[in-house]
PDB file of N, CA and C in Angstrom:
ATOM      1  N   MET A   1     -69.518  20.917  66.616  1.00  0.00           N
ATOM      2  CA  MET A   1     -69.973  20.862  67.971  1.00  0.00           C
ATOM      3  C   MET A   1     -70.430  19.402  68.303  1.00  0.00           C
ATOM      4  N   PRO A   2     -69.879  18.831  69.262  1.00  0.00           N
ATOM      5  CA  PRO A   2     -70.379  17.400  69.657  1.00  0.00           C
ATOM      6  C   PRO A   2     -71.736  17.522  70.208  1.00  0.00           C
ATOM      7  N   LEU A   3     -72.439  16.369  69.985  1.00  0.00           N
ATOM      8  CA  LEU A   3     -73.900  16.352  70.542  1.00  0.00           C
ATOM      9  C   LEU A   3     -73.754  15.920  72.023  1.00  0.00           C
ATOM     10  N   THR A   4     -74.700  16.482  72.805  1.00  0.00           N
ATOM     11  CA  THR A   4     -74.667  16.194  74.242  1.00  0.00           C
ATOM     12  C   THR A   4     -75.344  14.781  74.498  1.00  0.00           C
ATOM     13  N   ARG A   5     -75.079  14.174  75.584  1.00  0.00           N
ATOM     14  CA  ARG A   5     -75.737  12.961  75.861  1.00  0.00           C
ATOM     15  C   ARG A   5     -77.312  13.159  76.080  1.00  0.00           C
ATOM     16  N   ASP A   6     -77.664  14.313  76.538  1.00  0.00           N
ATOM     17  CA  ASP A   6     -79.150  14.645  76.754  1.00  0.00           C
ATOM     18  C   ASP A   6     -79.779  14.639  75.295  1.00  0.00           C
ATOM     19  N   PHE A   7     -79.096  15.317  74.280  1.00  0.00           N
ATOM     20  CA  PHE A   7     -79.707  15.275  73.033  1.00  0.00           C
ATOM     21  C   PHE A   7     -79.914  13.861  72.470  1.00  0.00           C
ATOM     22  N   ARG A   8     -78.804  13.100  72.510  1.00  0.00           N
ATOM     23  CA  ARG A   8     -78.923  11.641  72.096  1.00  0.00           C
ATOM     24  C   ARG A   8     -79.953  10.937  72.720  1.00  0.00           C
ATOM     25  N   THR A   9     -80.072  11.101  74.098  1.00  0.00           N
ATOM     26  CA  THR A   9     -81.077  10.410  74.938  1.00  0.00           C
ATOM     27  C   THR A   9     -82.538  10.856  74.367  1.00  0.00           C
ATOM     28  N   THR A  10     -82.657  12.125  74.063  1.00  0.00           N
ATOM     29  CA  THR A  10     -83.938  12.699  73.619  1.00  0.00           C
ATOM     30  C   THR A  10     -84.280  12.114  72.286  1.00  0.00           C
ATOM     31  N   VAL A  11     -83.343  12.076  71.384  1.00  0.00           N
ATOM     32  CA  VAL A  11     -83.500  11.609  69.998  1.00  0.00           C
ATOM     33  C   VAL A  11     -83.985  10.028  70.210  1.00  0.00           C
ATOM     34  N   LEU A  12     -83.182   9.199  70.951  1.00  0.00           N
ATOM     35  CA  LEU A  12     -83.572   7.879  71.190  1.00  0.00           C
ATOM     36  C   LEU A  12     -84.935   7.628  71.766  1.00  0.00           C
ATOM     37  N   ALA A  13     -85.343   8.466  72.680  1.00  0.00           N
ATOM     38  CA  ALA A  13     -86.580   8.307  73.343  1.00  0.00           C
ATOM     39  C   ALA A  13     -87.809   8.652  72.276  1.00  0.00           C
ATOM     40  N   ARG A  14     -87.513   9.687  71.617  1.00  0.00           N
ATOM     41  CA  ARG A  14     -88.604  10.098  70.543  1.00  0.00           C
ATOM     42  C   ARG A  14     -88.711   9.058  69.514  1.00  0.00           C
ATOM     43  N   ALA A  15     -87.484   8.477  69.035  1.00  0.00           N
ATOM     44  CA  ALA A  15     -87.471   7.577  67.926  1.00  0.00           C
ATOM     45  C   ALA A  15     -88.077   6.233  68.303  1.00  0.00           C
ATOM     46  N   SER A  16     -87.919   5.936  69.607  1.00  0.00           N
ATOM     47  CA  SER A  16     -88.520   4.551  70.054  1.00  0.00           C
ATOM     48  C   SER A  16     -90.063   4.718  70.114  1.00  0.00           C
ATOM     49  N   ARG A  17     -90.602   5.815  70.266  1.00  0.00           N
ATOM     50  CA  ARG A  17     -92.154   5.926  70.541  1.00  0.00           C
ATOM     51  C   ARG A  17     -92.783   6.578  69.263  1.00  0.00           C
ATOM     52  N   ASP A  18     -92.068   7.136  68.340  1.00  0.00           N
ATOM     53  CA  ASP A  18     -92.731   7.945  67.222  1.00  0.00           C
ATOM     54  C   ASP A  18     -92.239   7.509  65.930  1.00  0.00           C
ATOM     55  N   PRO A  19     -92.929   6.615  65.186  1.00  0.00           N
ATOM     56  CA  PRO A  19     -92.539   6.180  63.865  1.00  0.00           C
ATOM     57  C   PRO A  19     -92.308   7.317  62.926  1.00  0.00           C
ATOM     58  N   GLU A  20     -93.306   8.204  62.978  1.00  0.00           N
ATOM     59  CA  GLU A  20     -93.209   9.397  61.976  1.00  0.00           C
ATOM     60  C   GLU A  20     -91.923  10.210  62.191  1.00  0.00           C
ATOM     61  N   PHE A  21     -91.397  10.264  63.411  1.00  0.00           N
ATOM     62  CA  PHE A  21     -90.162  10.915  63.740  1.00  0.00           C
ATOM     63  C   PHE A  21     -89.105  10.259  63.072  1.00  0.00           C
ATOM     64  N   ARG A  22     -89.070   8.883  63.201  1.00  0.00           N
ATOM     65  CA  ARG A  22     -88.029   8.036  62.475  1.00  0.00           C
ATOM     66  C   ARG A  22     -88.000   8.281  61.020  1.00  0.00           C
ATOM     67  N   VAL A  23     -89.258   8.297  60.385  1.00  0.00           N
ATOM     68  CA  VAL A  23     -89.349   8.387  58.977  1.00  0.00           C
ATOM     69  C   VAL A  23     -88.791   9.910  58.620  1.00  0.00           C
ATOM     70  N   GLY A  24     -89.135  10.876  59.442  1.00  0.00           N
ATOM     71  CA  GLY A  24     -88.690  12.236  59.251  1.00  0.00           C
ATOM     72  C   GLY A  24     -87.110  12.227  59.280  1.00  0.00           C
ATOM     73  N   LEU A  25     -86.444  11.643  60.146  1.00  0.00           N
ATOM     74  CA  LEU A  25     -85.057  11.594  60.309  1.00  0.00           C
ATOM     75  C   LEU A  25     -84.520  11.021  58.881  1.00  0.00           C
ATOM     76  N   LEU A  26     -85.112   9.956  58.430  1.00  0.00           N
ATOM     77  CA  LEU A  26     -84.552   9.304  57.174  1.00  0.00           C
ATOM     78  C   LEU A  26     -84.739  10.324  55.925  1.00  0.00           C
ATOM     79  N   ARG A  27     -85.879  11.014  55.961  1.00  0.00           N
ATOM     80  CA  ARG A  27     -86.296  11.883  54.945  1.00  0.00           C
ATOM     81  C   ARG A  27     -85.256  12.965  54.959  1.00  0.00           C
ATOM     82  N   GLU A  28     -85.055  13.550  56.089  1.00  0.00           N
ATOM     83  CA  GLU A  28     -84.118  14.714  56.313  1.00  0.00           C
ATOM     84  C   GLU A  28     -82.780  14.222  55.903  1.00  0.00           C
ATOM     85  N   ALA A  29     -82.226  13.194  56.127  1.00  0.00           N
ATOM     86  CA  ALA A  29     -80.900  12.757  55.759  1.00  0.00           C
ATOM     87  C   ALA A  29     -80.830  12.646  54.259  1.00  0.00           C
ATOM     88  N   VAL A  30     -81.794  11.956  53.532  1.00  0.00           N
ATOM     89  CA  VAL A  30     -81.869  11.914  52.124  1.00  0.00           C
ATOM     90  C   VAL A  30     -81.995  13.213  51.407  1.00  0.00           C
ATOM     91  N   ASP A  31     -82.764  14.104  52.025  1.00  0.00           N
ATOM     92  CA  ASP A  31     -82.868  15.370  51.520  1.00  0.00           C
ATOM     93  C   ASP A  31     -81.490  16.100  51.525  1.00  0.00           C
ATOM     94  N   ALA A  32     -80.796  16.056  52.580  1.00  0.00           N
ATOM     95  CA  ALA A  32     -79.445  16.675  52.719  1.00  0.00           C
ATOM     96  C   ALA A  32     -78.563  16.108  51.807  1.00  0.00           C
ATOM     97  N   PHE A  33     -78.465  14.741  51.573  1.00  0.00           N
ATOM     98  CA  PHE A  33     -77.612  14.260  50.529  1.00  0.00           C
ATOM     99  C   PHE A  33     -77.953  14.775  49.110  1.00  0.00           C
ATOM    100  N   LEU A  34     -79.323  14.813  48.676  1.00  0.00           N
ATOM    101  CA  LEU A  34     -79.639  15.367  47.510  1.00  0.00           C
ATOM    102  C   LEU A  34     -79.340  16.696  47.272  1.00  0.00           C
ATOM    103  N   ALA A  35     -79.384  17.596  48.323  1.00  0.00           N
ATOM    104  CA  ALA A  35     -78.920  18.961  48.278  1.00  0.00           C
ATOM    105  C   ALA A  35     -77.555  19.183  48.251  1.00  0.00           C
ATOM    106  N   GLY A  36     -76.716  18.147  48.320  1.00  0.00           N
ATOM    107  CA  GLY A  36     -75.234  18.205  48.241  1.00  0.00           C
ATOM    108  C   GLY A  36     -74.621  18.423  49.671  1.00  0.00           C
ATOM    109  N   ASP A  37     -75.323  18.257  50.643  1.00  0.00           N
ATOM    110  CA  ASP A  37     -74.889  18.496  52.075  1.00  0.00           C
ATOM    111  C   ASP A  37     -74.567  17.170  52.667  1.00  0.00           C
ATOM    112  N   VAL A  38     -73.467  16.477  52.131  1.00  0.00           N
ATOM    113  CA  VAL A  38     -73.197  15.077  52.587  1.00  0.00           C
ATOM    114  C   VAL A  38     -72.925  15.053  54.123  1.00  0.00           C
ATOM    115  N   ASP A  39     -72.271  16.022  54.533  1.00  0.00           N
ATOM    116  CA  ASP A  39     -71.953  16.105  56.077  1.00  0.00           C
ATOM    117  C   ASP A  39     -73.174  15.995  56.912  1.00  0.00           C
ATOM    118  N   ALA A  40     -74.225  16.846  56.498  1.00  0.00           N
ATOM    119  CA  ALA A  40     -75.376  16.873  57.290  1.00  0.00           C
ATOM    120  C   ALA A  40     -76.228  15.560  57.260  1.00  0.00           C
ATOM    121  N   GLY A  41     -76.154  15.038  55.943  1.00  0.00           N
ATOM    122  CA  GLY A  41     -76.864  13.823  55.741  1.00  0.00           C
ATOM    123  C   GLY A  41     -76.216  12.658  56.568  1.00  0.00           C
ATOM    124  N   LYS A  42     -74.986  12.592  56.762  1.00  0.00           N
ATOM    125  CA  LYS A  42     -74.300  11.628  57.430  1.00  0.00           C
ATOM    126  C   LYS A  42     -74.656  11.710  58.891  1.00  0.00           C
ATOM    127  N   ILE A  43     -74.738  12.995  59.489  1.00  0.00           N
ATOM    128  CA  ILE A  43     -74.982  13.267  60.863  1.00  0.00           C
ATOM    129  C   ILE A  43     -76.388  12.739  61.177  1.00  0.00           C
ATOM    130  N   VAL A  44     -77.351  13.080  60.294  1.00  0.00           N
ATOM    131  CA  VAL A  44     -78.738  12.750  60.502  1.00  0.00           C
ATOM    132  C   VAL A  44     -78.840  11.163  60.473  1.00  0.00           C
ATOM    133  N   LEU A  45     -78.206  10.549  59.401  1.00  0.00           N
ATOM    134  CA  LEU A  45     -78.370   9.108  59.312  1.00  0.00           C
ATOM    135  C   LEU A  45     -77.717   8.326  60.414  1.00  0.00           C
ATOM    136  N   ARG A  46     -76.621   8.758  60.836  1.00  0.00           N
ATOM    137  CA  ARG A  46     -75.937   8.292  62.088  1.00  0.00           C
ATOM    138  C   ARG A  46     -76.733   8.381  63.279  1.00  0.00           C
ATOM    139  N   ASP A  47     -77.475   9.522  63.501  1.00  0.00           N
ATOM    140  CA  ASP A  47     -78.257   9.723  64.649  1.00  0.00           C
ATOM    141  C   ASP A  47     -79.457   8.686  64.484  1.00  0.00           C
ATOM    142  N   TYR A  48     -80.032   8.550  63.317  1.00  0.00           N
ATOM    143  CA  TYR A  48     -81.142   7.603  63.106  1.00  0.00           C
ATOM    144  C   TYR A  48     -80.697   6.224  63.383  1.00  0.00           C
ATOM    145  N   VAL A  49     -79.507   5.769  62.987  1.00  0.00           N
ATOM    146  CA  VAL A  49     -79.029   4.486  63.262  1.00  0.00           C
ATOM    147  C   VAL A  49     -78.789   4.152  64.614  1.00  0.00           C
ATOM    148  N   ASN A  50     -78.093   5.171  65.288  1.00  0.00           N
ATOM    149  CA  ASN A  50     -78.006   5.069  66.789  1.00  0.00           C
ATOM    150  C   ASN A  50     -79.175   5.007  67.562  1.00  0.00           C
ATOM    151  N   ALA A  51     -80.248   5.611  67.170  1.00  0.00           N
ATOM    152  CA  ALA A  51     -81.496   5.657  67.903  1.00  0.00           C
ATOM    153  C   ALA A  51     -82.398   4.545  67.585  1.00  0.00           C
ATOM    154  N   THR A  52     -82.095   3.837  66.454  1.00  0.00           N
ATOM    155  CA  THR A  52     -82.932   2.639  66.055  1.00  0.00           C
ATOM    156  C   THR A  52     -82.285   1.319  66.070  1.00  0.00           C
ATOM    157  N   VAL A  53     -81.831   0.909  65.009  1.00  0.00           N
ATOM    158  CA  VAL A  53     -81.302  -0.449  64.810  1.00  0.00           C
ATOM    159  C   VAL A  53     -79.975  -0.658  65.394  1.00  0.00           C
ATOM    160  N   GLY A  54     -79.027   0.353  65.493  1.00  0.00           N
ATOM    161  CA  GLY A  54     -77.611   0.192  65.891  1.00  0.00           C
ATOM    162  C   GLY A  54     -76.845  -0.212  64.853  1.00  0.00           C
ATOM    163  N   PHE A  55     -75.535  -0.027  64.970  1.00  0.00           N
ATOM    164  CA  PHE A  55     -74.584  -0.354  63.893  1.00  0.00           C
ATOM    165  C   PHE A  55     -74.361  -1.897  63.775  1.00  0.00           C
ATOM    166  N   GLU A  56     -74.449  -2.689  64.861  1.00  0.00           N
ATOM    167  CA  GLU A  56     -74.208  -4.105  64.873  1.00  0.00           C
ATOM    168  C   GLU A  56     -75.301  -4.696  63.893  1.00  0.00           C
ATOM    169  N   ALA A  57     -76.444  -4.452  64.171  1.00  0.00           N
ATOM    170  CA  ALA A  57     -77.534  -4.939  63.327  1.00  0.00           C
ATOM    171  C   ALA A  57     -77.602  -4.592  61.973  1.00  0.00           C
ATOM    172  N   LEU A  58     -77.245  -3.138  61.827  1.00  0.00           N
ATOM    173  CA  LEU A  58     -77.171  -2.604  60.431  1.00  0.00           C
ATOM    174  C   LEU A  58     -76.084  -3.348  59.697  1.00  0.00           C
ATOM    175  N   GLY A  59     -74.969  -3.639  60.271  1.00  0.00           N
ATOM    176  CA  GLY A  59     -73.848  -4.297  59.734  1.00  0.00           C
ATOM    177  C   GLY A  59     -74.307  -5.724  59.129  1.00  0.00           C
ATOM    178  N   GLN A  60     -74.969  -6.365  60.035  1.00  0.00           N
ATOM    179  CA  GLN A  60     -75.500  -7.757  59.649  1.00  0.00           C
ATOM    180  C   GLN A  60     -76.496  -7.534  58.570  1.00  0.00           C
ATOM    181  N   GLY A  61     -77.301  -6.515  58.590  1.00  0.00           N
ATOM    182  CA  GLY A  61     -78.308  -6.364  57.612  1.00  0.00           C
ATOM    183  C   GLY A  61     -77.854  -6.151  56.193  1.00  0.00           C
ATOM    184  N   VAL A  62     -76.719  -5.307  56.137  1.00  0.00           N
ATOM    185  CA  VAL A  62     -76.171  -4.904  54.797  1.00  0.00           C
ATOM    186  C   VAL A  62     -74.850  -5.785  54.579  1.00  0.00           C
ATOM    187  N   GLN A  63     -74.540  -6.625  55.452  1.00  0.00           N
ATOM    188  CA  GLN A  63     -73.371  -7.575  55.204  1.00  0.00           C
ATOM    189  C   GLN A  63     -71.990  -6.649  55.167  1.00  0.00           C
ATOM    190  N   ARG A  64     -71.982  -5.678  56.032  1.00  0.00           N
ATOM    191  CA  ARG A  64     -70.727  -4.881  56.161  1.00  0.00           C
ATOM    192  C   ARG A  64     -70.208  -4.864  57.602  1.00  0.00           C
ATOM    193  N   ASN A  65     -68.964  -4.577  57.810  1.00  0.00           N
ATOM    194  CA  ASN A  65     -68.420  -4.423  59.138  1.00  0.00           C
ATOM    195  C   ASN A  65     -69.074  -3.195  59.814  1.00  0.00           C
ATOM    196  N   PRO A  66     -69.581  -3.457  61.083  1.00  0.00           N
ATOM    197  CA  PRO A  66     -70.198  -2.361  61.667  1.00  0.00           C
ATOM    198  C   PRO A  66     -69.210  -1.073  61.874  1.00  0.00           C
ATOM    199  N   LYS A  67     -68.021  -1.445  62.256  1.00  0.00           N
ATOM    200  CA  LYS A  67     -67.042  -0.195  62.390  1.00  0.00           C
ATOM    201  C   LYS A  67     -66.846   0.508  61.108  1.00  0.00           C
ATOM    202  N   SER A  68     -66.905  -0.281  60.044  1.00  0.00           N
ATOM    203  CA  SER A  68     -66.745   0.511  58.640  1.00  0.00           C
ATOM    204  C   SER A  68     -67.943   1.399  58.516  1.00  0.00           C
ATOM    205  N   LEU A  69     -69.056   0.890  58.841  1.00  0.00           N
ATOM    206  CA  LEU A  69     -70.314   1.688  58.677  1.00  0.00           C
ATOM    207  C   LEU A  69     -70.258   2.901  59.613  1.00  0.00           C
ATOM    208  N   MET A  70     -69.819   2.780  60.858  1.00  0.00           N
ATOM    209  CA  MET A  70     -69.584   3.923  61.798  1.00  0.00           C
ATOM    210  C   MET A  70     -68.671   5.054  61.186  1.00  0.00           C
ATOM    211  N   ARG A  71     -67.495   4.406  60.524  1.00  0.00           N
ATOM    212  CA  ARG A  71     -66.532   5.412  59.948  1.00  0.00           C
ATOM    213  C   ARG A  71     -67.212   6.042  58.781  1.00  0.00           C
ATOM    214  N   MET A  72     -67.969   5.273  57.944  1.00  0.00           N
ATOM    215  CA  MET A  72     -68.544   5.718  56.797  1.00  0.00           C
ATOM    216  C   MET A  72     -69.370   6.955  57.092  1.00  0.00           C
ATOM    217  N   LEU A  73     -70.253   6.859  58.325  1.00  0.00           N
ATOM    218  CA  LEU A  73     -71.084   7.888  58.545  1.00  0.00           C
ATOM    219  C   LEU A  73     -70.514   8.954  59.611  1.00  0.00           C
ATOM    220  N   GLY A  74     -69.258   8.714  59.884  1.00  0.00           N
ATOM    221  CA  GLY A  74     -68.625   9.660  60.787  1.00  0.00           C
ATOM    222  C   GLY A  74     -68.177  11.101  59.969  1.00  0.00           C
ATOM    223  N   PRO A  75     -67.675  11.884  60.774  1.00  0.00           N
ATOM    224  CA  PRO A  75     -67.314  13.230  60.266  1.00  0.00           C
ATOM    225  C   PRO A  75     -66.373  13.273  59.115  1.00  0.00           C
ATOM    226  N   ASP A  76     -65.344  12.233  59.173  1.00  0.00           N
ATOM    227  CA  ASP A  76     -64.393  12.152  58.047  1.00  0.00           C
ATOM    228  C   ASP A  76     -64.717  11.223  57.028  1.00  0.00           C
ATOM    229  N   GLY A  77     -65.851  10.395  57.137  1.00  0.00           N
ATOM    230  CA  GLY A  77     -66.262   9.309  56.382  1.00  0.00           C
ATOM    231  C   GLY A  77     -66.630   9.886  54.780  1.00  0.00           C
ATOM    232  N   ASN A  78     -66.412   8.989  53.948  1.00  0.00           N
ATOM    233  CA  ASN A  78     -66.741   9.331  52.460  1.00  0.00           C
ATOM    234  C   ASN A  78     -67.390   8.103  51.889  1.00  0.00           C
ATOM    235  N   PRO A  79     -68.692   7.957  52.211  1.00  0.00           N
ATOM    236  CA  PRO A  79     -69.409   6.819  51.784  1.00  0.00           C
ATOM    237  C   PRO A  79     -69.512   6.618  50.211  1.00  0.00           C
ATOM    238  N   ARG A  80     -69.201   5.400  49.819  1.00  0.00           N
ATOM    239  CA  ARG A  80     -69.443   5.073  48.452  1.00  0.00           C
ATOM    240  C   ARG A  80     -70.914   5.038  48.154  1.00  0.00           C
ATOM    241  N   ALA A  81     -71.381   5.334  47.030  1.00  0.00           N
ATOM    242  CA  ALA A  81     -72.750   5.289  46.650  1.00  0.00           C
ATOM    243  C   ALA A  81     -73.374   3.863  46.939  1.00  0.00           C
ATOM    244  N   GLU A  82     -72.557   2.926  46.575  1.00  0.00           N
ATOM    245  CA  GLU A  82     -73.134   1.466  46.692  1.00  0.00           C
ATOM    246  C   GLU A  82     -73.387   1.149  48.252  1.00  0.00           C
ATOM    247  N   ASN A  83     -72.554   1.623  49.167  1.00  0.00           N
ATOM    248  CA  ASN A  83     -72.736   1.350  50.526  1.00  0.00           C
ATOM    249  C   ASN A  83     -73.832   2.202  51.089  1.00  0.00           C
ATOM    250  N   LEU A  84     -73.896   3.461  50.724  1.00  0.00           N
ATOM    251  CA  LEU A  84     -74.955   4.292  51.105  1.00  0.00           C
ATOM    252  C   LEU A  84     -76.264   3.898  50.763  1.00  0.00           C
ATOM    253  N   PHE A  85     -76.482   3.522  49.483  1.00  0.00           N
ATOM    254  CA  PHE A  85     -77.788   3.086  49.093  1.00  0.00           C
ATOM    255  C   PHE A  85     -78.148   1.781  49.617  1.00  0.00           C
ATOM    256  N   ALA A  86     -77.184   0.750  49.907  1.00  0.00           N
ATOM    257  CA  ALA A  86     -77.407  -0.376  50.688  1.00  0.00           C
ATOM    258  C   ALA A  86     -78.020  -0.182  52.137  1.00  0.00           C
ATOM    259  N   VAL A  87     -77.386   0.850  52.721  1.00  0.00           N
ATOM    260  CA  VAL A  87     -77.880   1.212  54.091  1.00  0.00           C
ATOM    261  C   VAL A  87     -79.231   1.880  54.000  1.00  0.00           C
ATOM    262  N   LEU A  88     -79.521   2.782  53.027  1.00  0.00           N
ATOM    263  CA  LEU A  88     -80.915   3.314  52.842  1.00  0.00           C
ATOM    264  C   LEU A  88     -81.852   2.326  52.590  1.00  0.00           C
ATOM    265  N   SER A  89     -81.538   1.389  51.695  1.00  0.00           N
ATOM    266  CA  SER A  89     -82.503   0.327  51.387  1.00  0.00           C
ATOM    267  C   SER A  89     -82.895  -0.592  52.473  1.00  0.00           C
ATOM    268  N   TYR A  90     -81.766  -0.984  53.260  1.00  0.00           N
ATOM    269  CA  TYR A  90     -82.214  -1.720  54.539  1.00  0.00           C
ATOM    270  C   TYR A  90     -82.946  -0.990  55.452  1.00  0.00           C
ATOM    271  N   LEU A  91     -82.661   0.278  55.807  1.00  0.00           N
ATOM    272  CA  LEU A  91     -83.398   1.063  56.702  1.00  0.00           C
ATOM    273  C   LEU A  91     -84.898   1.291  56.135  1.00  0.00           C
ATOM    274  N   GLU A  92     -84.972   1.451  54.925  1.00  0.00           N
ATOM    275  CA  GLU A  92     -86.436   1.551  54.418  1.00  0.00           C
ATOM    276  C   GLU A  92     -87.214   0.276  54.751  1.00  0.00           C
ATOM    277  N   SER A  93     -86.646  -0.780  54.407  1.00  0.00           N
ATOM    278  CA  SER A  93     -87.358  -2.132  54.614  1.00  0.00           C
ATOM    279  C   SER A  93     -87.698  -2.234  56.135  1.00  0.00           C
ATOM    280  N   MET A  94     -86.623  -1.881  56.910  1.00  0.00           N
ATOM    281  CA  MET A  94     -86.794  -1.991  58.400  1.00  0.00           C
ATOM    282  C   MET A  94     -88.130  -1.115  58.847  1.00  0.00           C
ATOM    283  N   GLU A  95     -88.142   0.081  58.276  1.00  0.00           N
ATOM    284  CA  GLU A  95     -89.311   0.984  58.711  1.00  0.00           C
ATOM    285  C   GLU A  95     -90.591   0.632  57.977  1.00  0.00           C
ATOM    286  N   GLY A  96     -90.416  -0.199  56.876  1.00  0.00           N
ATOM    287  CA  GLY A  96     -91.627  -0.529  56.099  1.00  0.00           C
ATOM    288  C   GLY A  96     -92.116   0.669  55.237  1.00  0.00           C
ATOM    289  N   ILE A  97     -91.136   1.406  54.692  1.00  0.00           N
ATOM    290  CA  ILE A  97     -91.464   2.577  53.859  1.00  0.00           C
ATOM    291  C   ILE A  97     -90.597   2.489  52.604  1.00  0.00           C
ATOM    292  N   SER A  98     -91.016   3.301  51.579  1.00  0.00           N
ATOM    293  CA  SER A  98     -90.231   3.531  50.428  1.00  0.00           C
ATOM    294  C   SER A  98     -90.095   5.049  50.166  1.00  0.00           C
ATOM    295  N   LEU A  99     -88.824   5.476  50.098  1.00  0.00           N
ATOM    296  CA  LEU A  99     -88.602   6.838  49.885  1.00  0.00           C
ATOM    297  C   LEU A  99     -88.598   7.033  48.389  1.00  0.00           C
ATOM    298  N   HIS A 100     -88.963   8.168  47.878  1.00  0.00           N
ATOM    299  CA  HIS A 100     -89.079   8.507  46.422  1.00  0.00           C
ATOM    300  C   HIS A 100     -88.670   9.967  46.320  1.00  0.00           C
ATOM    301  N   VAL A 101     -88.032  10.199  45.221  1.00  0.00           N
ATOM    302  CA  VAL A 101     -87.610  11.528  44.774  1.00  0.00           C
ATOM    303  C   VAL A 101     -88.638  12.036  43.866  1.00  0.00           C
ATOM    304  N   SER A 102     -88.980  13.252  43.948  1.00  0.00           N
ATOM    305  CA  SER A 102     -89.797  13.900  42.972  1.00  0.00           C
ATOM    306  C   SER A 102     -89.089  15.217  42.469  1.00  0.00           C
ATOM    307  N   ALA A 103     -89.345  15.494  41.156  1.00  0.00           N
ATOM    308  CA  ALA A 103     -88.722  16.712  40.618  1.00  0.00           C
ATOM    309  C   ALA A 103     -89.661  17.795  40.511  1.00  0.00           C
ATOM    310  N   LYS A 104     -89.265  19.051  40.679  1.00  0.00           N
ATOM    311  CA  LYS A 104     -90.024  20.149  40.381  1.00  0.00           C
ATOM    312  C   LYS A 104     -89.090  21.261  39.850  1.00  0.00           C
ATOM    313  N   ARG A 105     -89.588  21.981  39.052  1.00  0.00           N
ATOM    314  CA  ARG A 105     -88.807  23.244  38.540  1.00  0.00           C
ATOM    315  C   ARG A 105     -88.698  24.280  39.497  1.00  0.00           C
ATOM    316  N   THR A 106     -87.502  24.864  39.583  1.00  0.00           N
ATOM    317  CA  THR A 106     -87.320  26.056  40.412  1.00  0.00           C
ATOM    318  C   THR A 106     -87.258  27.224  39.574  1.00  0.00           C
ATOM    319  N   GLY A 107     -87.819  28.169  40.009  1.00  0.00           N
ATOM    320  CA  GLY A 107     -87.871  29.520  39.388  1.00  0.00           C
ATOM    321  C   GLY A 107     -88.969  29.838  38.280  1.00  0.00           C
TER     322      GLY A 107
END
């Protein structure tokens, strides 16, 4: 289901005024990747990029073609780990945060 313009506008407005919302989007994307839901992770990460830095600046920041990054995070994209981690690292530094993984036993 394609996102409506109103939804994108809402995400953009919230991201521009709420740093915790932006961090929450990054955390949600990483959590989805770690849970094996690559498609959901790509969607959330793409929304984050569109609402914040944009693909042109991201491309410059990670020294990749912006159109390649758009495809990578698109519905049919298959990001290589190297590219995905470069993007996440750049976005972490842009936000001034460091994401960490913690392990806990289930069951």
